[in-house]
Structures are given as C-alpha cells and as structure tokens.
Amino acid sequence: MKSNSDNQILTADLRETLKRIMKSEIEKLPETLKGLEPKERINIVCKLMPFIFPKVDTVSSQAGEPFQLDL
C-alpha cells in the first residue's frame, strides 16, 4: 500500500506532466485551429470562451433607478 507522501509525489508528478502537455497544446492551438473546418473552429472557440472572458451577470434596474441611461 502506498503512503500518503508517495501519493502526494505521484500527484505532483502528474500535475507537472499535465501542465507540460497543456502548455504544448496551447502553443500549437493557433496552427491547430487553422487546420479545422470553420464550423469546428467556431465550436472550439466557443468552448474556450468561458476560460478567457469573465462570466457576465445579468443586471436589472431597481425601483427608483432611471429606465434609460444617458450615454
């Protein structure tokens, strides 16, 4: 049976390996996207958007606030 420290070392090694893989894939992403059909490219970009842009919360007016903003 593996000790807790053995599991921590394994987990740390696994994380480092996954980080290297992800870094490599991210660096190749522009070239990979170029090779996709437009529909596939849009699909991938849409899936990546939540990781790039912060989530936007819905804002509604409260009683006493102006209905129209003067910009």
PDB file of N, CA and C in Angstrom:
ATOM      1  N   MET A   1       0.840  -1.189   0.000  1.00  0.00           N
ATOM      2  CA  MET A   1       0.000   0.000   0.000  1.00  0.00           C
ATOM      3  C   MET A   1       0.886   1.254   0.000  1.00  0.00           C
ATOM      4  N   LYS A   2       0.533   2.223  -0.806  1.00  0.00           N
ATOM      5  CA  LYS A   2       1.329   3.436  -0.907  1.00  0.00           C
ATOM      6  C   LYS A   2       1.048   4.362   0.265  1.00  0.00           C
ATOM      7  N   SER A   3       2.082   5.049   0.713  1.00  0.00           N
ATOM      8  CA  SER A   3       1.920   6.009   1.792  1.00  0.00           C
ATOM      9  C   SER A   3       1.345   7.307   1.233  1.00  0.00           C
ATOM     10  N   ASN A   4       0.926   8.155   2.141  1.00  0.00           N
ATOM     11  CA  ASN A   4       0.354   9.438   1.748  1.00  0.00           C
ATOM     12  C   ASN A   4       1.387  10.283   1.011  1.00  0.00           C
ATOM     13  N   SER A   5       2.665  10.230   1.451  1.00  0.00           N
ATOM     14  CA  SER A   5       3.707  11.017   0.776  1.00  0.00           C
ATOM     15  C   SER A   5       3.964  10.491  -0.629  1.00  0.00           C
ATOM     16  N   ASP A   6       3.871   9.156  -0.817  1.00  0.00           N
ATOM     17  CA  ASP A   6       4.017   8.588  -2.164  1.00  0.00           C
ATOM     18  C   ASP A   6       2.903   9.091  -3.078  1.00  0.00           C
ATOM     19  N   ASN A   7       1.692   9.154  -2.555  1.00  0.00           N
ATOM     20  CA  ASN A   7       0.554   9.654  -3.339  1.00  0.00           C
ATOM     21  C   ASN A   7       0.730  11.126  -3.674  1.00  0.00           C
ATOM     22  N   GLN A   8       1.266  11.912  -2.734  1.00  0.00           N
ATOM     23  CA  GLN A   8       1.489  13.338  -2.988  1.00  0.00           C
ATOM     24  C   GLN A   8       2.536  13.533  -4.076  1.00  0.00           C
ATOM     25  N   ILE A   9       3.601  12.722  -4.048  1.00  0.00           N
ATOM     26  CA  ILE A   9       4.637  12.809  -5.075  1.00  0.00           C
ATOM     27  C   ILE A   9       4.061  12.437  -6.427  1.00  0.00           C
ATOM     28  N   LEU A  10       3.284  11.366  -6.466  1.00  0.00           N
ATOM     29  CA  LEU A  10       2.644  10.932  -7.711  1.00  0.00           C
ATOM     30  C   LEU A  10       1.723  12.016  -8.249  1.00  0.00           C
ATOM     31  N   THR A  11       0.946  12.630  -7.362  1.00  0.00           N
ATOM     32  CA  THR A  11       0.029  13.695  -7.762  1.00  0.00           C
ATOM     33  C   THR A  11       0.804  14.896  -8.299  1.00  0.00           C
ATOM     34  N   ALA A  12       1.891  15.272  -7.629  1.00  0.00           N
ATOM     35  CA  ALA A  12       2.705  16.406  -8.083  1.00  0.00           C
ATOM     36  C   ALA A  12       3.313  16.107  -9.444  1.00  0.00           C
ATOM     37  N   ASP A  13       3.825  14.884  -9.632  1.00  0.00           N
ATOM     38  CA  ASP A  13       4.398  14.496 -10.929  1.00  0.00           C
ATOM     39  C   ASP A  13       3.338  14.528 -12.024  1.00  0.00           C
ATOM     40  N   LEU A  14       2.167  14.027 -11.720  1.00  0.00           N
ATOM     41  CA  LEU A  14       1.076  14.011 -12.685  1.00  0.00           C
ATOM     42  C   LEU A  14       0.687  15.435 -13.069  1.00  0.00           C
ATOM     43  N   ARG A  15       0.592  16.319 -12.093  1.00  0.00           N
ATOM     44  CA  ARG A  15       0.241  17.717 -12.377  1.00  0.00           C
ATOM     45  C   ARG A  15       1.288  18.373 -13.259  1.00  0.00           C
ATOM     46  N   GLU A  16       2.555  18.143 -12.972  1.00  0.00           N
ATOM     47  CA  GLU A  16       3.619  18.723 -13.790  1.00  0.00           C
ATOM     48  C   GLU A  16       3.566  18.190 -15.218  1.00  0.00           C
ATOM     49  N   THR A  17       3.311  16.900 -15.355  1.00  0.00           N
ATOM     50  CA  THR A  17       3.185  16.307 -16.691  1.00  0.00           C
ATOM     51  C   THR A  17       2.015  16.920 -17.435  1.00  0.00           C
ATOM     52  N   LEU A  18       0.879  17.047 -16.768  1.00  0.00           N
ATOM     53  CA  LEU A  18      -0.304  17.646 -17.407  1.00  0.00           C
ATOM     54  C   LEU A  18      -0.058  19.108 -17.768  1.00  0.00           C
ATOM     55  N   LYS A  19       0.658  19.851 -16.918  1.00  0.00           N
ATOM     56  CA  LYS A  19       0.981  21.246 -17.222  1.00  0.00           C
ATOM     57  C   LYS A  19       1.826  21.344 -18.482  1.00  0.00           C
ATOM     58  N   ARG A  20       2.816  20.458 -18.615  1.00  0.00           N
ATOM     59  CA  ARG A  20       3.667  20.465 -19.810  1.00  0.00           C
ATOM     60  C   ARG A  20       2.854  20.146 -21.062  1.00  0.00           C
ATOM     61  N   ILE A  21       1.968  19.166 -20.948  1.00  0.00           N
ATOM     62  CA  ILE A  21       1.121  18.792 -22.091  1.00  0.00           C
ATOM     63  C   ILE A  21       0.222  19.957 -22.486  1.00  0.00           C
ATOM     64  N   MET A  22      -0.420  20.583 -21.496  1.00  0.00           N
ATOM     65  CA  MET A  22      -1.324  21.703 -21.788  1.00  0.00           C
ATOM     66  C   MET A  22      -0.566  22.876 -22.398  1.00  0.00           C
ATOM     67  N   LYS A  23       0.611  23.181 -21.870  1.00  0.00           N
ATOM     68  CA  LYS A  23       1.413  24.285 -22.415  1.00  0.00           C
ATOM     69  C   LYS A  23       1.742  24.022 -23.873  1.00  0.00           C
ATOM     70  N   SER A  24       2.146  22.807 -24.174  1.00  0.00           N
ATOM     71  CA  SER A  24       2.477  22.439 -25.547  1.00  0.00           C
ATOM     72  C   SER A  24       1.263  22.570 -26.459  1.00  0.00           C
ATOM     73  N   GLU A  25       0.123  22.104 -26.012  1.00  0.00           N
ATOM     74  CA  GLU A  25      -1.099  22.168 -26.828  1.00  0.00           C
ATOM     75  C   GLU A  25      -1.556  23.607 -27.024  1.00  0.00           C
ATOM     76  N   ILE A  26      -1.438  24.428 -26.001  1.00  0.00           N
ATOM     77  CA  ILE A  26      -1.835  25.836 -26.118  1.00  0.00           C
ATOM     78  C   ILE A  26      -0.931  26.557 -27.113  1.00  0.00           C
ATOM     79  N   GLU A  27       0.365  26.228 -27.082  1.00  0.00           N
ATOM     80  CA  GLU A  27       1.289  26.851 -28.031  1.00  0.00           C
ATOM     81  C   GLU A  27       0.969  26.448 -29.466  1.00  0.00           C
ATOM     82  N   LYS A  28       0.454  25.241 -29.671  1.00  0.00           N
ATOM     83  CA  LYS A  28       0.110  24.757 -31.014  1.00  0.00           C
ATOM     84  C   LYS A  28      -1.314  25.129 -31.429  1.00  0.00           C
ATOM     85  N   LEU A  29      -2.086  25.733 -30.524  1.00  0.00           N
ATOM     86  CA  LEU A  29      -3.503  25.995 -30.782  1.00  0.00           C
ATOM     87  C   LEU A  29      -3.763  26.827 -32.044  1.00  0.00           C
ATOM     88  N   PRO A  30      -3.044  27.932 -32.271  1.00  0.00           N
ATOM     89  CA  PRO A  30      -3.333  28.696 -33.500  1.00  0.00           C
ATOM     90  C   PRO A  30      -3.190  27.854 -34.771  1.00  0.00           C
ATOM     91  N   GLU A  31      -2.150  27.054 -34.835  1.00  0.00           N
ATOM     92  CA  GLU A  31      -1.941  26.211 -36.012  1.00  0.00           C
ATOM     93  C   GLU A  31      -3.011  25.122 -36.096  1.00  0.00           C
ATOM     94  N   THR A  32      -3.376  24.565 -34.957  1.00  0.00           N
ATOM     95  CA  THR A  32      -4.416  23.536 -34.918  1.00  0.00           C
ATOM     96  C   THR A  32      -5.742  24.104 -35.403  1.00  0.00           C
ATOM     97  N   LEU A  33      -6.095  25.305 -34.949  1.00  0.00           N
ATOM     98  CA  LEU A  33      -7.353  25.934 -35.354  1.00  0.00           C
ATOM     99  C   LEU A  33      -7.380  26.199 -36.859  1.00  0.00           C
ATOM    100  N   LYS A  34      -6.237  26.592 -37.423  1.00  0.00           N
ATOM    101  CA  LYS A  34      -6.173  26.850 -38.866  1.00  0.00           C
ATOM    102  C   LYS A  34      -6.534  25.611 -39.673  1.00  0.00           C
ATOM    103  N   GLY A  35      -6.235  24.434 -39.137  1.00  0.00           N
ATOM    104  CA  GLY A  35      -6.488  23.199 -39.863  1.00  0.00           C
ATOM    105  C   GLY A  35      -7.907  22.681 -39.753  1.00  0.00           C
ATOM    106  N   LEU A  36      -8.740  23.344 -38.975  1.00  0.00           N
ATOM    107  CA  LEU A  36     -10.114  22.883 -38.777  1.00  0.00           C
ATOM    108  C   LEU A  36     -11.072  23.537 -39.764  1.00  0.00           C
ATOM    109  N   GLU A  37     -12.185  22.866 -39.992  1.00  0.00           N
ATOM    110  CA  GLU A  37     -13.274  23.454 -40.769  1.00  0.00           C
ATOM    111  C   GLU A  37     -13.861  24.610 -39.951  1.00  0.00           C
ATOM    112  N   PRO A  38     -14.419  25.626 -40.626  1.00  0.00           N
ATOM    113  CA  PRO A  38     -14.965  26.778 -39.893  1.00  0.00           C
ATOM    114  C   PRO A  38     -15.928  26.396 -38.772  1.00  0.00           C
ATOM    115  N   LYS A  39     -16.824  25.449 -39.028  1.00  0.00           N
ATOM    116  CA  LYS A  39     -17.799  25.049 -38.006  1.00  0.00           C
ATOM    117  C   LYS A  39     -17.092  24.463 -36.782  1.00  0.00           C
ATOM    118  N   GLU A  40     -16.082  23.633 -37.008  1.00  0.00           N
ATOM    119  CA  GLU A  40     -15.327  23.044 -35.902  1.00  0.00           C
ATOM    120  C   GLU A  40     -14.550  24.120 -35.147  1.00  0.00           C
ATOM    121  N   ARG A  41     -13.949  25.055 -35.887  1.00  0.00           N
ATOM    122  CA  ARG A  41     -13.172  26.141 -35.273  1.00  0.00           C
ATOM    123  C   ARG A  41     -14.050  26.993 -34.369  1.00  0.00           C
ATOM    124  N   ILE A  42     -15.243  27.355 -34.852  1.00  0.00           N
ATOM    125  CA  ILE A  42     -16.173  28.147 -34.046  1.00  0.00           C
ATOM    126  C   ILE A  42     -16.587  27.377 -32.802  1.00  0.00           C
ATOM    127  N   ASN A  43     -16.837  26.098 -32.946  1.00  0.00           N
ATOM    128  CA  ASN A  43     -17.221  25.258 -31.818  1.00  0.00           C
ATOM    129  C   ASN A  43     -16.133  25.270 -30.737  1.00  0.00           C
ATOM    130  N   ILE A  44     -14.880  25.085 -31.139  1.00  0.00           N
ATOM    131  CA  ILE A  44     -13.758  25.072 -30.193  1.00  0.00           C
ATOM    132  C   ILE A  44     -13.604  26.437 -29.535  1.00  0.00           C
ATOM    133  N   VAL A  45     -13.664  27.495 -30.321  1.00  0.00           N
ATOM    134  CA  VAL A  45     -13.511  28.846 -29.778  1.00  0.00           C
ATOM    135  C   VAL A  45     -14.614  29.136 -28.758  1.00  0.00           C
ATOM    136  N   CYS A  46     -15.843  28.739 -29.064  1.00  0.00           N
ATOM    137  CA  CYS A  46     -16.955  28.939 -28.128  1.00  0.00           C
ATOM    138  C   CYS A  46     -16.740  28.167 -26.823  1.00  0.00           C
ATOM    139  N   LYS A  47     -16.187  26.972 -26.927  1.00  0.00           N
ATOM    140  CA  LYS A  47     -15.919  26.181 -25.725  1.00  0.00           C
ATOM    141  C   LYS A  47     -14.797  26.785 -24.879  1.00  0.00           C
ATOM    142  N   LEU A  48     -13.868  27.483 -25.523  1.00  0.00           N
ATOM    143  CA  LEU A  48     -12.751  28.093 -24.794  1.00  0.00           C
ATOM    144  C   LEU A  48     -13.109  29.449 -24.181  1.00  0.00           C
ATOM    145  N   MET A  49     -14.145  30.097 -24.709  1.00  0.00           N
ATOM    146  CA  MET A  49     -14.510  31.442 -24.252  1.00  0.00           C
ATOM    147  C   MET A  49     -14.694  31.568 -22.737  1.00  0.00           C
ATOM    148  N   PRO A  50     -15.364  30.629 -22.070  1.00  0.00           N
ATOM    149  CA  PRO A  50     -15.532  30.790 -20.616  1.00  0.00           C
ATOM    150  C   PRO A  50     -14.213  30.813 -19.842  1.00  0.00           C
ATOM    151  N   PHE A  51     -13.160  30.294 -20.434  1.00  0.00           N
ATOM    152  CA  PHE A  51     -11.865  30.302 -19.765  1.00  0.00           C
ATOM    153  C   PHE A  51     -11.094  31.585 -20.022  1.00  0.00           C
ATOM    154  N   ILE A  52     -11.541  32.362 -21.000  1.00  0.00           N
ATOM    155  CA  ILE A  52     -10.859  33.597 -21.380  1.00  0.00           C
ATOM    156  C   ILE A  52     -11.576  34.829 -20.818  1.00  0.00           C
ATOM    157  N   PHE A  53     -12.896  34.850 -20.969  1.00  0.00           N
ATOM    158  CA  PHE A  53     -13.685  36.002 -20.564  1.00  0.00           C
ATOM    159  C   PHE A  53     -14.410  35.718 -19.254  1.00  0.00           C
ATOM    160  N   PRO A  54     -14.495  36.719 -18.375  1.00  0.00           N
ATOM    161  CA  PRO A  54     -15.237  36.505 -17.126  1.00  0.00           C
ATOM    162  C   PRO A  54     -16.727  36.358 -17.407  1.00  0.00           C
ATOM    163  N   LYS A  55     -17.401  35.622 -16.546  1.00  0.00           N
ATOM    164  CA  LYS A  55     -18.841  35.440 -16.686  1.00  0.00           C
ATOM    165  C   LYS A  55     -19.538  36.764 -16.408  1.00  0.00           C
ATOM    166  N   VAL A  56     -20.504  37.089 -17.234  1.00  0.00           N
ATOM    167  CA  VAL A  56     -21.254  38.340 -17.090  1.00  0.00           C
ATOM    168  C   VAL A  56     -22.572  38.024 -16.400  1.00  0.00           C
ATOM    169  N   ASP A  57     -22.837  38.751 -15.328  1.00  0.00           N
ATOM    170  CA  ASP A  57     -24.095  38.572 -14.619  1.00  0.00           C
ATOM    171  C   ASP A  57     -25.155  39.505 -15.185  1.00  0.00           C
ATOM    172  N   THR A  58     -26.385  39.069 -15.148  1.00  0.00           N
ATOM    173  CA  THR A  58     -27.500  39.883 -15.604  1.00  0.00           C
ATOM    174  C   THR A  58     -27.717  41.021 -14.611  1.00  0.00           C
ATOM    175  N   VAL A  59     -27.905  42.221 -15.144  1.00  0.00           N
ATOM    176  CA  VAL A  59     -28.149  43.392 -14.310  1.00  0.00           C
ATOM    177  C   VAL A  59     -29.528  43.916 -14.647  1.00  0.00           C
ATOM    178  N   SER A  60     -30.326  44.154 -13.619  1.00  0.00           N
ATOM    179  CA  SER A  60     -31.652  44.720 -13.848  1.00  0.00           C
ATOM    180  C   SER A  60     -31.800  45.977 -13.008  1.00  0.00           C
ATOM    181  N   SER A  61     -32.676  46.874 -13.471  1.00  0.00           N
ATOM    182  CA  SER A  61     -32.870  48.124 -12.745  1.00  0.00           C
ATOM    183  C   SER A  61     -33.702  47.881 -11.496  1.00  0.00           C
ATOM    184  N   GLN A  62     -33.469  48.696 -10.530  1.00  0.00           N
ATOM    185  CA  GLN A  62     -34.206  48.634  -9.262  1.00  0.00           C
ATOM    186  C   GLN A  62     -35.192  49.794  -9.210  1.00  0.00           C
ATOM    187  N   ALA A  63     -36.145  49.714  -8.324  1.00  0.00           N
ATOM    188  CA  ALA A  63     -37.124  50.789  -8.156  1.00  0.00           C
ATOM    189  C   ALA A  63     -36.401  52.096  -7.848  1.00  0.00           C
ATOM    190  N   GLY A  64     -36.786  53.163  -8.537  1.00  0.00           N
ATOM    191  CA  GLY A  64     -36.197  54.471  -8.317  1.00  0.00           C
ATOM    192  C   GLY A  64     -35.003  54.765  -9.208  1.00  0.00           C
ATOM    193  N   GLU A  65     -34.520  53.770  -9.952  1.00  0.00           N
ATOM    194  CA  GLU A  65     -33.401  53.996 -10.852  1.00  0.00           C
ATOM    195  C   GLU A  65     -33.940  54.410 -12.218  1.00  0.00           C
ATOM    196  N   PRO A  66     -33.159  55.191 -12.970  1.00  0.00           N
ATOM    197  CA  PRO A  66     -33.637  55.603 -14.289  1.00  0.00           C
ATOM    198  C   PRO A  66     -33.776  54.399 -15.215  1.00  0.00           C
ATOM    199  N   PHE A  67     -34.802  54.462 -16.067  1.00  0.00           N
ATOM    200  CA  PHE A  67     -35.050  53.382 -17.009  1.00  0.00           C
ATOM    201  C   PHE A  67     -34.078  53.420 -18.172  1.00  0.00           C
ATOM    202  N   GLN A  68     -33.707  54.636 -18.605  1.00  0.00           N
ATOM    203  CA  GLN A  68     -32.815  54.819 -19.756  1.00  0.00           C
ATOM    204  C   GLN A  68     -31.529  55.489 -19.291  1.00  0.00           C
ATOM    205  N   LEU A  69     -30.409  54.992 -19.769  1.00  0.00           N
ATOM    206  CA  LEU A  69     -29.126  55.590 -19.429  1.00  0.00           C
ATOM    207  C   LEU A  69     -28.782  56.653 -20.451  1.00  0.00           C
ATOM    208  N   ASP A  70     -28.278  57.773 -19.975  1.00  0.00           N
ATOM    209  CA  ASP A  70     -27.811  58.837 -20.874  1.00  0.00           C
ATOM    210  C   ASP A  70     -26.314  58.636 -21.096  1.00  0.00           C
ATOM    211  N   LEU A  71     -25.968  58.185 -22.299  1.00  0.00           N
ATOM    212  CA  LEU A  71     -24.549  57.932 -22.603  1.00  0.00           C
ATOM    213  C   LEU A  71     -23.957  59.017 -23.429  1.00  0.00           C
TER     214      LEU A  71
END
